[in-house]
């Protein structure tokens, strides 16, 4: 990790001249205002008098050319942490998962914007990215380089803590997800807490065991079901390397009926945010195959529905596609 704390501290401290929002123009991206390009937020709520930007803004969004200016504007209220990443890099995918958890822990004090440099190379150019992954904060329109390459959760939290101090010094003290802080304050059920602690420790097997026990005690526990699907996905991804990812995609193209390969590539697609690609891959496999492998693929698809969220519109669309190939 490049020494970024000094960069954050050097941006603006108490008593120094506040950052100008006009600095956003340095990023040189066009971007029509289009809140619908964010990851399915509810209609924006009016800003609260305490500086909160409302409860509808998600804590993680996918950065695109279309919503970039919205995110820059949002940085006048709260810091926006951009992660420039690529699905081709398992290191970047792993960091994205880690950052999602870290940002959640700040209860709406900042937003994570995931920028896929393969889909939107202009974003990488705008931030002058030299390596993937790269993390850059934007505060009151000004980009603040944080780090390149991998970083531990502890290192990221340290940087975010410094960033939030600078944000406060510049009068950027808003928050999103007003209900998040209240939810954070409520204790988790014991087994859910055990799973969360195991995830923090990187022990996905222990987290899965805790969620399974929660489901054994309460089969209708939707949060435990989704949590189990998520940690099982994280556990599978942990076993892959960047070389594996490249080889798997090649094999998947050559062996469309190899269920093991197809499911692994679907995992990679999910981790990279290519949700529809993952769903369509498995649905196509189910449509071509019969017997035990078909059922295995169907069950995995349902698990991935839980990972993405059953209310997600892409899940609803995939359910229709699954019904067509099954019936």
C-alpha atoms as a PDB file:
ATOM      1  CA  UNK A   1       0.000   0.000   0.000  1.00  0.00           C
ATOM      2  CA  UNK A   2       1.374   3.407  -0.951  1.00  0.00           C
ATOM      3  CA  UNK A   3       1.780   5.785   2.011  1.00  0.00           C
ATOM      4  CA  UNK A   4      -1.543   7.545   1.817  1.00  0.00           C
ATOM      5  CA  UNK A   5      -2.116   8.861   5.305  1.00  0.00           C
ATOM      6  CA  UNK A   6       0.230  11.748   4.583  1.00  0.00           C
ATOM      7  CA  UNK A   7      -1.754  12.534   1.448  1.00  0.00           C
ATOM      8  CA  UNK A   8      -4.974  12.662   3.422  1.00  0.00           C
ATOM      9  CA  UNK A   9      -3.487  14.702   6.231  1.00  0.00           C
ATOM     10  CA  UNK A  10      -1.917  17.097   3.773  1.00  0.00           C
ATOM     11  CA  UNK A  11      -5.133  17.806   1.951  1.00  0.00           C
ATOM     12  CA  UNK A  12      -6.591  20.352   4.333  1.00  0.00           C
ATOM     13  CA  UNK A  13      -6.356  20.741   8.071  1.00  0.00           C
ATOM     14  CA  UNK A  14      -8.189  23.009  10.519  1.00  0.00           C
ATOM     15  CA  UNK A  15      -7.468  26.616   9.735  1.00  0.00           C
ATOM     16  CA  UNK A  16      -6.393  25.980   6.159  1.00  0.00           C
ATOM     17  CA  UNK A  17      -8.312  27.097   3.095  1.00  0.00           C
ATOM     18  CA  UNK A  18     -11.298  24.783   2.437  1.00  0.00           C
ATOM     19  CA  UNK A  19     -11.256  22.624  -0.676  1.00  0.00           C
ATOM     20  CA  UNK A  20     -13.055  24.187  -3.623  1.00  0.00           C
ATOM     21  CA  UNK A  21     -15.810  22.158  -5.323  1.00  0.00           C
ATOM     22  CA  UNK A  22     -14.568  23.621  -8.601  1.00  0.00           C
ATOM     23  CA  UNK A  23     -11.658  21.207  -8.375  1.00  0.00           C
ATOM     24  CA  UNK A  24     -14.025  18.532  -9.648  1.00  0.00           C
ATOM     25  CA  UNK A  25     -13.509  19.910 -13.135  1.00  0.00           C
ATOM     26  CA  UNK A  26      -9.955  18.570 -12.996  1.00  0.00           C
ATOM     27  CA  UNK A  27     -11.401  15.091 -13.364  1.00  0.00           C
ATOM     28  CA  UNK A  28     -12.510  16.014 -16.862  1.00  0.00           C
ATOM     29  CA  UNK A  29     -15.446  13.633 -17.189  1.00  0.00           C
ATOM     30  CA  UNK A  30     -18.702  14.414 -18.850  1.00  0.00           C
ATOM     31  CA  UNK A  31     -21.643  13.031 -16.901  1.00  0.00           C
ATOM     32  CA  UNK A  32     -25.285  13.875 -17.189  1.00  0.00           C
ATOM     33  CA  UNK A  33     -27.105  13.828 -13.884  1.00  0.00           C
ATOM     34  CA  UNK A  34     -28.839  10.458 -13.739  1.00  0.00           C
ATOM     35  CA  UNK A  35     -29.590   9.139 -10.299  1.00  0.00           C
ATOM     36  CA  UNK A  36     -31.223   6.104 -11.845  1.00  0.00           C
ATOM     37  CA  UNK A  37     -27.743   4.924 -12.791  1.00  0.00           C
ATOM     38  CA  UNK A  38     -26.935   4.368  -9.136  1.00  0.00           C
ATOM     39  CA  UNK A  39     -27.587   0.895  -7.787  1.00  0.00           C
ATOM     40  CA  UNK A  40     -31.336   1.087  -7.572  1.00  0.00           C
ATOM     41  CA  UNK A  41     -31.690   3.728  -4.832  1.00  0.00           C
ATOM     42  CA  UNK A  42     -35.132   4.790  -3.724  1.00  0.00           C
ATOM     43  CA  UNK A  43     -36.184   8.327  -4.672  1.00  0.00           C
ATOM     44  CA  UNK A  44     -33.857  10.774  -2.941  1.00  0.00           C
ATOM     45  CA  UNK A  45     -35.101  12.175   0.322  1.00  0.00           C
ATOM     46  CA  UNK A  46     -34.718  15.869   1.163  1.00  0.00           C
ATOM     47  CA  UNK A  47     -31.527  16.710   3.020  1.00  0.00           C
ATOM     48  CA  UNK A  48     -32.024  16.841   6.749  1.00  0.00           C
ATOM     49  CA  UNK A  49     -31.185  19.940   8.749  1.00  0.00           C
ATOM     50  CA  UNK A  50     -28.368  18.109  10.484  1.00  0.00           C
ATOM     51  CA  UNK A  51     -26.542  17.643   7.207  1.00  0.00           C
ATOM     52  CA  UNK A  52     -27.794  14.148   6.531  1.00  0.00           C
ATOM     53  CA  UNK A  53     -28.401  13.510   2.854  1.00  0.00           C
ATOM     54  CA  UNK A  54     -31.349  11.261   3.565  1.00  0.00           C
ATOM     55  CA  UNK A  55     -31.803   7.533   4.023  1.00  0.00           C
ATOM     56  CA  UNK A  56     -32.176   6.450   0.407  1.00  0.00           C
ATOM     57  CA  UNK A  57     -28.579   6.712  -0.808  1.00  0.00           C
ATOM     58  CA  UNK A  58     -26.919   3.258  -0.792  1.00  0.00           C
ATOM     59  CA  UNK A  59     -23.531   2.939   0.901  1.00  0.00           C
ATOM     60  CA  UNK A  60     -22.066   1.252  -2.189  1.00  0.00           C
ATOM     61  CA  UNK A  61     -22.795   2.360  -5.742  1.00  0.00           C
ATOM     62  CA  UNK A  62     -21.356   1.395  -9.102  1.00  0.00           C
ATOM     63  CA  UNK A  63     -19.625   4.447 -10.564  1.00  0.00           C
ATOM     64  CA  UNK A  64     -20.331   5.151 -14.231  1.00  0.00           C
ATOM     65  CA  UNK A  65     -19.920   8.089 -16.560  1.00  0.00           C
ATOM     66  CA  UNK A  66     -23.625   8.777 -16.123  1.00  0.00           C
ATOM     67  CA  UNK A  67     -23.616   9.080 -12.335  1.00  0.00           C
ATOM     68  CA  UNK A  68     -20.093  10.385 -11.847  1.00  0.00           C
ATOM     69  CA  UNK A  69     -21.104  14.020 -11.467  1.00  0.00           C
ATOM     70  CA  UNK A  70     -23.754  13.025  -8.932  1.00  0.00           C
ATOM     71  CA  UNK A  71     -21.077  11.320  -6.877  1.00  0.00           C
ATOM     72  CA  UNK A  72     -18.798  14.351  -7.123  1.00  0.00           C
ATOM     73  CA  UNK A  73     -21.681  16.538  -5.963  1.00  0.00           C
ATOM     74  CA  UNK A  74     -22.393  14.120  -3.130  1.00  0.00           C
ATOM     75  CA  UNK A  75     -18.791  14.599  -1.951  1.00  0.00           C
ATOM     76  CA  UNK A  76     -19.785  18.106  -0.811  1.00  0.00           C
ATOM     77  CA  UNK A  77     -21.930  16.385   1.846  1.00  0.00           C
ATOM     78  CA  UNK A  78     -19.941  13.251   2.651  1.00  0.00           C
ATOM     79  CA  UNK A  79     -16.643  11.768   1.394  1.00  0.00           C
ATOM     80  CA  UNK A  80     -16.940   9.400  -1.565  1.00  0.00           C
ATOM     81  CA  UNK A  81     -14.392   6.582  -1.699  1.00  0.00           C
ATOM     82  CA  UNK A  82     -13.773   5.463  -5.280  1.00  0.00           C
ATOM     83  CA  UNK A  83     -12.253   2.025  -5.835  1.00  0.00           C
ATOM     84  CA  UNK A  84     -10.876   1.650  -9.359  1.00  0.00           C
ATOM     85  CA  UNK A  85     -10.974  -2.082  -9.943  1.00  0.00           C
ATOM     86  CA  UNK A  86     -11.285  -4.824 -12.549  1.00  0.00           C
ATOM     87  CA  UNK A  87     -13.002  -8.180 -12.574  1.00  0.00           C
ATOM     88  CA  UNK A  88      -9.822  -9.550 -14.147  1.00  0.00           C
ATOM     89  CA  UNK A  89      -8.000  -8.969 -10.864  1.00  0.00           C
ATOM     90  CA  UNK A  90      -8.921 -11.266  -7.991  1.00  0.00           C
ATOM     91  CA  UNK A  91      -6.927  -8.955  -5.737  1.00  0.00           C
ATOM     92  CA  UNK A  92      -9.188  -6.080  -6.769  1.00  0.00           C
ATOM     93  CA  UNK A  93     -12.341  -8.169  -6.366  1.00  0.00           C
ATOM     94  CA  UNK A  94     -11.276  -9.240  -2.886  1.00  0.00           C
ATOM     95  CA  UNK A  95     -10.499  -5.653  -1.904  1.00  0.00           C
ATOM     96  CA  UNK A  96     -13.914  -4.521  -3.145  1.00  0.00           C
ATOM     97  CA  UNK A  97     -15.613  -7.081  -0.891  1.00  0.00           C
ATOM     98  CA  UNK A  98     -13.487  -5.961   2.048  1.00  0.00           C
ATOM     99  CA  UNK A  99     -14.179  -2.284   1.450  1.00  0.00           C
ATOM    100  CA  UNK A 100     -17.930  -2.903   1.346  1.00  0.00           C
ATOM    101  CA  UNK A 101     -17.744  -4.327   4.864  1.00  0.00           C
ATOM    102  CA  UNK A 102     -15.463  -1.576   6.140  1.00  0.00           C
ATOM    103  CA  UNK A 103     -17.661   1.204   4.730  1.00  0.00           C
ATOM    104  CA  UNK A 104     -20.761  -0.401   6.237  1.00  0.00           C
ATOM    105  CA  UNK A 105     -19.091  -0.072   9.623  1.00  0.00           C
ATOM    106  CA  UNK A 106     -19.050   3.724   9.321  1.00  0.00           C
ATOM    107  CA  UNK A 107     -22.861   3.902   9.367  1.00  0.00           C
ATOM    108  CA  UNK A 108     -23.309   6.275   6.439  1.00  0.00           C
ATOM    109  CA  UNK A 109     -20.389   8.654   7.037  1.00  0.00           C
ATOM    110  CA  UNK A 110     -19.041   7.907   3.549  1.00  0.00           C
ATOM    111  CA  UNK A 111     -20.043   6.136   0.340  1.00  0.00           C
ATOM    112  CA  UNK A 112     -18.090   3.527  -1.606  1.00  0.00           C
ATOM    113  CA  UNK A 113     -18.169   3.989  -5.391  1.00  0.00           C
ATOM    114  CA  UNK A 114     -16.912   0.947  -7.312  1.00  0.00           C
ATOM    115  CA  UNK A 115     -15.530   1.948 -10.727  1.00  0.00           C
ATOM    116  CA  UNK A 116     -15.017  -0.949 -13.148  1.00  0.00           C
ATOM    117  CA  UNK A 117     -12.138   0.244 -15.331  1.00  0.00           C
ATOM    118  CA  UNK A 118     -12.919  -2.356 -17.995  1.00  0.00           C
ATOM    119  CA  UNK A 119     -16.469  -1.075 -18.422  1.00  0.00           C
ATOM    120  CA  UNK A 120     -15.587   2.605 -17.930  1.00  0.00           C
ATOM    121  CA  UNK A 121     -11.939   3.220 -18.866  1.00  0.00           C
ATOM    122  CA  UNK A 122     -12.618   6.974 -18.835  1.00  0.00           C
ATOM    123  CA  UNK A 123     -12.834   6.819 -15.042  1.00  0.00           C
ATOM    124  CA  UNK A 124      -9.371   5.286 -14.814  1.00  0.00           C
ATOM    125  CA  UNK A 125      -8.055   7.994 -17.135  1.00  0.00           C
ATOM    126  CA  UNK A 126      -9.739  10.719 -15.115  1.00  0.00           C
ATOM    127  CA  UNK A 127      -8.082   9.562 -11.906  1.00  0.00           C
ATOM    128  CA  UNK A 128      -4.773   8.888 -13.705  1.00  0.00           C
ATOM    129  CA  UNK A 129      -4.750   5.333 -12.397  1.00  0.00           C
ATOM    130  CA  UNK A 130      -1.431   3.518 -12.717  1.00  0.00           C
ATOM    131  CA  UNK A 131      -2.380   0.221 -11.054  1.00  0.00           C
ATOM    132  CA  UNK A 132      -5.416  -1.869 -10.223  1.00  0.00           C
ATOM    133  CA  UNK A 133      -6.812  -1.717  -7.619  1.00  0.00           C
ATOM    134  CA  UNK A 134      -6.495   1.962  -6.710  1.00  0.00           C
ATOM    135  CA  UNK A 135      -8.468   3.822  -4.064  1.00  0.00           C
ATOM    136  CA  UNK A 136      -9.136   7.548  -4.378  1.00  0.00           C
ATOM    137  CA  UNK A 137     -11.353   9.642  -2.113  1.00  0.00           C
ATOM    138  CA  UNK A 138     -13.250  12.665  -3.406  1.00  0.00           C
ATOM    139  CA  UNK A 139     -13.985  15.390  -0.879  1.00  0.00           C
ATOM    140  CA  UNK A 140     -15.809  18.580  -1.855  1.00  0.00           C
ATOM    141  CA  UNK A 141     -15.010  17.764  -5.457  1.00  0.00           C
ATOM    142  CA  UNK A 142     -11.279  17.266  -4.931  1.00  0.00           C
ATOM    143  CA  UNK A 143      -9.669  13.867  -5.604  1.00  0.00           C
ATOM    144  CA  UNK A 144      -7.405  12.602  -2.820  1.00  0.00           C
ATOM    145  CA  UNK A 145      -5.233   9.562  -3.743  1.00  0.00           C
ATOM    146  CA  UNK A 146      -5.300   6.994  -0.944  1.00  0.00           C
ATOM    147  CA  UNK A 147      -3.509   3.798  -1.959  1.00  0.00           C
ATOM    148  CA  UNK A 148      -2.667   1.381  -4.748  1.00  0.00           C
ATOM    149  CA  UNK A 149      -2.692  -2.388  -4.472  1.00  0.00           C
ATOM    150  CA  UNK A 150      -3.942  -4.456  -1.533  1.00  0.00           C
ATOM    151  CA  UNK A 151      -4.648  -3.033   1.903  1.00  0.00           C
ATOM    152  CA  UNK A 152      -5.800  -4.653   5.112  1.00  0.00           C
ATOM    153  CA  UNK A 153      -9.064  -3.658   6.761  1.00  0.00           C
ATOM    154  CA  UNK A 154      -7.079  -2.059   9.571  1.00  0.00           C
ATOM    155  CA  UNK A 155      -5.051   0.055   7.136  1.00  0.00           C
ATOM    156  CA  UNK A 156      -8.198   1.118   5.290  1.00  0.00           C
ATOM    157  CA  UNK A 157      -9.952   2.079   8.526  1.00  0.00           C
ATOM    158  CA  UNK A 158      -6.942   4.146   9.558  1.00  0.00           C
ATOM    159  CA  UNK A 159      -7.074   6.035   6.267  1.00  0.00           C
ATOM    160  CA  UNK A 160     -10.828   6.539   6.491  1.00  0.00           C
ATOM    161  CA  UNK A 161     -10.477   7.848  10.039  1.00  0.00           C
ATOM    162  CA  UNK A 162      -7.969  10.432   8.798  1.00  0.00           C
ATOM    163  CA  UNK A 163     -10.187  11.265   5.830  1.00  0.00           C
ATOM    164  CA  UNK A 164     -13.178  11.863   8.086  1.00  0.00           C
ATOM    165  CA  UNK A 165     -11.107  14.210  10.258  1.00  0.00           C
ATOM    166  CA  UNK A 166     -10.198  16.219   7.161  1.00  0.00           C
ATOM    167  CA  UNK A 167     -13.834  16.131   6.045  1.00  0.00           C
ATOM    168  CA  UNK A 168     -14.955  17.522   9.392  1.00  0.00           C
ATOM    169  CA  UNK A 169     -12.308  20.262   9.202  1.00  0.00           C
ATOM    170  CA  UNK A 170     -13.800  21.255   5.842  1.00  0.00           C
ATOM    171  CA  UNK A 171     -17.379  21.222   7.085  1.00  0.00           C
ATOM    172  CA  UNK A 172     -18.291  17.949   5.370  1.00  0.00           C
ATOM    173  CA  UNK A 173     -20.206  16.250   8.166  1.00  0.00           C
ATOM    174  CA  UNK A 174     -23.326  14.826   6.517  1.00  0.00           C
ATOM    175  CA  UNK A 175     -24.357  11.193   6.439  1.00  0.00           C
ATOM    176  CA  UNK A 176     -26.446   8.820   4.366  1.00  0.00           C
ATOM    177  CA  UNK A 177     -28.657   5.964   5.435  1.00  0.00           C
ATOM    178  CA  UNK A 178     -30.029   7.772   8.484  1.00  0.00           C
ATOM    179  CA  UNK A 179     -31.431   4.489   9.712  1.00  0.00           C
ATOM    180  CA  UNK A 180     -28.046   2.791   9.514  1.00  0.00           C
ATOM    181  CA  UNK A 181     -26.747   4.264  12.757  1.00  0.00           C
ATOM    182  CA  UNK A 182     -29.817   3.099  14.646  1.00  0.00           C
ATOM    183  CA  UNK A 183     -29.521  -0.351  13.101  1.00  0.00           C
ATOM    184  CA  UNK A 184     -25.835  -0.421  14.034  1.00  0.00           C
ATOM    185  CA  UNK A 185     -26.730   0.343  17.638  1.00  0.00           C
ATOM    186  CA  UNK A 186     -29.094  -2.621  17.924  1.00  0.00           C
ATOM    187  CA  UNK A 187     -27.259  -5.800  18.960  1.00  0.00           C
ATOM    188  CA  UNK A 188     -27.236  -8.649  16.479  1.00  0.00           C
ATOM    189  CA  UNK A 189     -28.638 -12.038  17.442  1.00  0.00           C
ATOM    190  CA  UNK A 190     -25.793 -14.104  18.976  1.00  0.00           C
ATOM    191  CA  UNK A 191     -25.314 -16.412  15.997  1.00  0.00           C
ATOM    192  CA  UNK A 192     -25.395 -13.506  13.556  1.00  0.00           C
ATOM    193  CA  UNK A 193     -22.797 -11.713  15.669  1.00  0.00           C
ATOM    194  CA  UNK A 194     -20.667 -14.859  15.690  1.00  0.00           C
ATOM    195  CA  UNK A 195     -20.905 -15.001  11.905  1.00  0.00           C
ATOM    196  CA  UNK A 196     -20.017 -11.310  11.599  1.00  0.00           C
ATOM    197  CA  UNK A 197     -16.999 -11.735  13.880  1.00  0.00           C
ATOM    198  CA  UNK A 198     -15.837 -14.730  11.841  1.00  0.00           C
ATOM    199  CA  UNK A 199     -16.164 -12.751   8.609  1.00  0.00           C
ATOM    200  CA  UNK A 200     -14.095  -9.943  10.138  1.00  0.00           C
ATOM    201  CA  UNK A 201     -11.443 -12.546  10.966  1.00  0.00           C
ATOM    202  CA  UNK A 202     -11.580 -13.959   7.434  1.00  0.00           C
ATOM    203  CA  UNK A 203     -12.897 -17.305   8.691  1.00  0.00           C
ATOM    204  CA  UNK A 204     -15.693 -17.895   6.203  1.00  0.00           C
ATOM    205  CA  UNK A 205     -16.133 -21.549   7.218  1.00  0.00           C
ATOM    206  CA  UNK A 206     -16.890 -20.506  10.806  1.00  0.00           C
ATOM    207  CA  UNK A 207     -19.246 -17.793   9.573  1.00  0.00           C
ATOM    208  CA  UNK A 208     -21.076 -20.332   7.420  1.00  0.00           C
ATOM    209  CA  UNK A 209     -21.358 -22.693  10.388  1.00  0.00           C
ATOM    210  CA  UNK A 210     -22.900 -19.932  12.517  1.00  0.00           C
ATOM    211  CA  UNK A 211     -25.425 -19.071   9.821  1.00  0.00           C
ATOM    212  CA  UNK A 212     -26.317 -22.743   9.340  1.00  0.00           C
ATOM    213  CA  UNK A 213     -26.969 -23.060  13.054  1.00  0.00           C
ATOM    214  CA  UNK A 214     -29.124 -19.942  12.938  1.00  0.00           C
ATOM    215  CA  UNK A 215     -31.138 -21.471  10.098  1.00  0.00           C
ATOM    216  CA  UNK A 216     -31.463 -24.772  11.972  1.00  0.00           C
ATOM    217  CA  UNK A 217     -32.979 -22.870  14.884  1.00  0.00           C
ATOM    218  CA  UNK A 218     -35.060 -20.552  12.716  1.00  0.00           C
ATOM    219  CA  UNK A 219     -35.531 -21.832   9.138  1.00  0.00           C
ATOM    220  CA  UNK A 220     -37.359 -18.645   8.078  1.00  0.00           C
ATOM    221  CA  UNK A 221     -34.389 -16.406   9.004  1.00  0.00           C
ATOM    222  CA  UNK A 222     -33.944 -14.605   5.684  1.00  0.00           C
ATOM    223  CA  UNK A 223     -30.887 -12.682   6.869  1.00  0.00           C
ATOM    224  CA  UNK A 224     -29.128 -15.883   7.897  1.00  0.00           C
ATOM    225  CA  UNK A 225     -30.001 -17.466   4.556  1.00  0.00           C
ATOM    226  CA  UNK A 226     -28.570 -14.519   2.631  1.00  0.00           C
ATOM    227  CA  UNK A 227     -25.553 -14.367   4.921  1.00  0.00           C
ATOM    228  CA  UNK A 228     -24.834 -18.060   4.380  1.00  0.00           C
ATOM    229  CA  UNK A 229     -24.992 -17.655   0.612  1.00  0.00           C
ATOM    230  CA  UNK A 230     -22.642 -14.683   0.793  1.00  0.00           C
ATOM    231  CA  UNK A 231     -19.979 -16.266   2.990  1.00  0.00           C
ATOM    232  CA  UNK A 232     -20.062 -19.469   0.957  1.00  0.00           C
ATOM    233  CA  UNK A 233     -19.422 -17.367  -2.144  1.00  0.00           C
ATOM    234  CA  UNK A 234     -16.572 -15.548  -0.384  1.00  0.00           C
ATOM    235  CA  UNK A 235     -15.099 -18.870   0.690  1.00  0.00           C
ATOM    236  CA  UNK A 236     -15.167 -20.182  -2.878  1.00  0.00           C
ATOM    237  CA  UNK A 237     -13.591 -17.018  -4.237  1.00  0.00           C
ATOM    238  CA  UNK A 238     -10.863 -17.171  -1.624  1.00  0.00           C
ATOM    239  CA  UNK A 239      -9.618 -20.378  -3.217  1.00  0.00           C
ATOM    240  CA  UNK A 240      -9.054 -18.773  -6.612  1.00  0.00           C
ATOM    241  CA  UNK A 241      -6.014 -16.915  -7.882  1.00  0.00           C
ATOM    242  CA  UNK A 242      -5.686 -14.412 -10.720  1.00  0.00           C
ATOM    243  CA  UNK A 243      -4.183 -17.154 -12.883  1.00  0.00           C
ATOM    244  CA  UNK A 244      -7.122 -19.404 -12.056  1.00  0.00           C
ATOM    245  CA  UNK A 245      -9.554 -16.686 -13.128  1.00  0.00           C
ATOM    246  CA  UNK A 246      -7.985 -16.250 -16.552  1.00  0.00           C
ATOM    247  CA  UNK A 247      -7.741 -19.998 -17.112  1.00  0.00           C
ATOM    248  CA  UNK A 248     -11.305 -20.576 -15.907  1.00  0.00           C
ATOM    249  CA  UNK A 249     -12.760 -18.068 -18.338  1.00  0.00           C
ATOM    250  CA  UNK A 250     -10.880 -19.704 -21.178  1.00  0.00           C
ATOM    251  CA  UNK A 251     -12.064 -23.165 -20.120  1.00  0.00           C
ATOM    252  CA  UNK A 252     -15.630 -21.936 -19.723  1.00  0.00           C
ATOM    253  CA  UNK A 253     -15.620 -20.783 -23.338  1.00  0.00           C
ATOM    254  CA  UNK A 254     -14.214 -24.133 -24.475  1.00  0.00           C
ATOM    255  CA  UNK A 255     -16.314 -26.344 -22.155  1.00  0.00           C
ATOM    256  CA  UNK A 256     -19.825 -24.876 -21.925  1.00  0.00           C
ATOM    257  CA  UNK A 257     -21.192 -28.030 -20.274  1.00  0.00           C
ATOM    258  CA  UNK A 258     -18.515 -28.330 -17.587  1.00  0.00           C
ATOM    259  CA  UNK A 259     -20.604 -27.463 -14.534  1.00  0.00           C
ATOM    260  CA  UNK A 260     -17.677 -26.929 -12.181  1.00  0.00           C
ATOM    261  CA  UNK A 261     -16.055 -24.399 -14.486  1.00  0.00           C
ATOM    262  CA  UNK A 262     -19.311 -22.631 -15.340  1.00  0.00           C
ATOM    263  CA  UNK A 263     -20.242 -22.194 -11.678  1.00  0.00           C
ATOM    264  CA  UNK A 264     -16.794 -20.874 -10.785  1.00  0.00           C
ATOM    265  CA  UNK A 265     -16.971 -18.298 -13.561  1.00  0.00           C
ATOM    266  CA  UNK A 266     -20.450 -17.330 -12.385  1.00  0.00           C
ATOM    267  CA  UNK A 267     -18.939 -16.710  -8.932  1.00  0.00           C
ATOM    268  CA  UNK A 268     -16.318 -14.465 -10.526  1.00  0.00           C
ATOM    269  CA  UNK A 269     -19.016 -12.563 -12.395  1.00  0.00           C
ATOM    270  CA  UNK A 270     -21.028 -12.027  -9.218  1.00  0.00           C
ATOM    271  CA  UNK A 271     -17.954 -10.823  -7.335  1.00  0.00           C
ATOM    272  CA  UNK A 272     -17.212  -8.415 -10.154  1.00  0.00           C
ATOM    273  CA  UNK A 273     -20.704  -6.977 -10.255  1.00  0.00           C
ATOM    274  CA  UNK A 274     -21.588  -8.651 -13.564  1.00  0.00           C
ATOM    275  CA  UNK A 275     -24.783 -10.004 -12.086  1.00  0.00           C
ATOM    276  CA  UNK A 276     -26.775 -10.646 -15.248  1.00  0.00           C
ATOM    277  CA  UNK A 277     -23.815 -12.405 -16.887  1.00  0.00           C
ATOM    278  CA  UNK A 278     -23.592 -14.790 -13.940  1.00  0.00           C
ATOM    279  CA  UNK A 279     -27.309 -15.509 -13.929  1.00  0.00           C
ATOM    280  CA  UNK A 280     -27.496 -15.959 -17.699  1.00  0.00           C
ATOM    281  CA  UNK A 281     -24.514 -18.311 -17.670  1.00  0.00           C
ATOM    282  CA  UNK A 282     -26.158 -20.679 -15.192  1.00  0.00           C
ATOM    283  CA  UNK A 283     -29.583 -20.436 -16.799  1.00  0.00           C
ATOM    284  CA  UNK A 284     -28.057 -21.319 -20.177  1.00  0.00           C
ATOM    285  CA  UNK A 285     -26.341 -24.325 -18.596  1.00  0.00           C
ATOM    286  CA  UNK A 286     -29.621 -25.486 -17.064  1.00  0.00           C
ATOM    287  CA  UNK A 287     -31.307 -25.140 -20.437  1.00  0.00           C
ATOM    288  CA  UNK A 288     -28.715 -27.390 -22.088  1.00  0.00           C
ATOM    289  CA  UNK A 289     -28.387 -30.074 -19.430  1.00  0.00           C
ATOM    290  CA  UNK A 290     -30.469 -32.591 -17.496  1.00  0.00           C
ATOM    291  CA  UNK A 291     -30.012 -34.838 -14.502  1.00  0.00           C
ATOM    292  CA  UNK A 292     -28.085 -34.155 -11.280  1.00  0.00           C
ATOM    293  CA  UNK A 293     -25.913 -31.427 -12.794  1.00  0.00           C
ATOM    294  CA  UNK A 294     -28.993 -29.465 -13.791  1.00  0.00           C
ATOM    295  CA  UNK A 295     -30.263 -29.551 -10.212  1.00  0.00           C
ATOM    296  CA  UNK A 296     -26.850 -28.567  -8.861  1.00  0.00           C
ATOM    297  CA  UNK A 297     -26.843 -25.553 -11.148  1.00  0.00           C
ATOM    298  CA  UNK A 298     -30.404 -24.627 -10.158  1.00  0.00           C
ATOM    299  CA  UNK A 299     -29.572 -24.725  -6.454  1.00  0.00           C
ATOM    300  CA  UNK A 300     -26.466 -22.595  -6.969  1.00  0.00           C
ATOM    301  CA  UNK A 301     -28.493 -20.067  -8.941  1.00  0.00           C
ATOM    302  CA  UNK A 302     -30.977 -19.761  -6.079  1.00  0.00           C
ATOM    303  CA  UNK A 303     -28.085 -19.216  -3.677  1.00  0.00           C
ATOM    304  CA  UNK A 304     -26.741 -16.434  -5.876  1.00  0.00           C
ATOM    305  CA  UNK A 305     -30.209 -14.878  -5.890  1.00  0.00           C
ATOM    306  CA  UNK A 306     -29.844 -14.620  -2.101  1.00  0.00           C
ATOM    307  CA  UNK A 307     -26.390 -13.067  -2.490  1.00  0.00           C
ATOM    308  CA  UNK A 308     -27.694 -10.345  -4.790  1.00  0.00           C
ATOM    309  CA  UNK A 309     -30.972  -9.866  -2.925  1.00  0.00           C
ATOM    310  CA  UNK A 310     -34.337 -11.348  -3.767  1.00  0.00           C
ATOM    311  CA  UNK A 311     -35.883  -7.894  -4.285  1.00  0.00           C
ATOM    312  CA  UNK A 312     -33.312  -6.995  -6.954  1.00  0.00           C
ATOM    313  CA  UNK A 313     -34.897  -6.476 -10.379  1.00  0.00           C
ATOM    314  CA  UNK A 314     -32.173  -8.610 -11.997  1.00  0.00           C
ATOM    315  CA  UNK A 315     -33.155 -11.503  -9.757  1.00  0.00           C
ATOM    316  CA  UNK A 316     -36.786 -11.129 -10.809  1.00  0.00           C
ATOM    317  CA  UNK A 317     -35.743 -11.185 -14.464  1.00  0.00           C
ATOM    318  CA  UNK A 318     -33.512 -14.230 -13.917  1.00  0.00           C
ATOM    319  CA  UNK A 319     -36.343 -16.079 -12.162  1.00  0.00           C
ATOM    320  CA  UNK A 320     -38.409 -15.656 -15.324  1.00  0.00           C
ATOM    321  CA  UNK A 321     -35.535 -16.977 -17.409  1.00  0.00           C
ATOM    322  CA  UNK A 322     -35.127 -19.956 -15.084  1.00  0.00           C
ATOM    323  CA  UNK A 323     -38.829 -20.761 -15.307  1.00  0.00           C
ATOM    324  CA  UNK A 324     -38.636 -20.733 -19.108  1.00  0.00           C
ATOM    325  CA  UNK A 325     -35.807 -23.285 -19.288  1.00  0.00           C
ATOM    326  CA  UNK A 326     -37.291 -25.512 -16.576  1.00  0.00           C
ATOM    327  CA  UNK A 327     -40.863 -25.582 -17.856  1.00  0.00           C
END
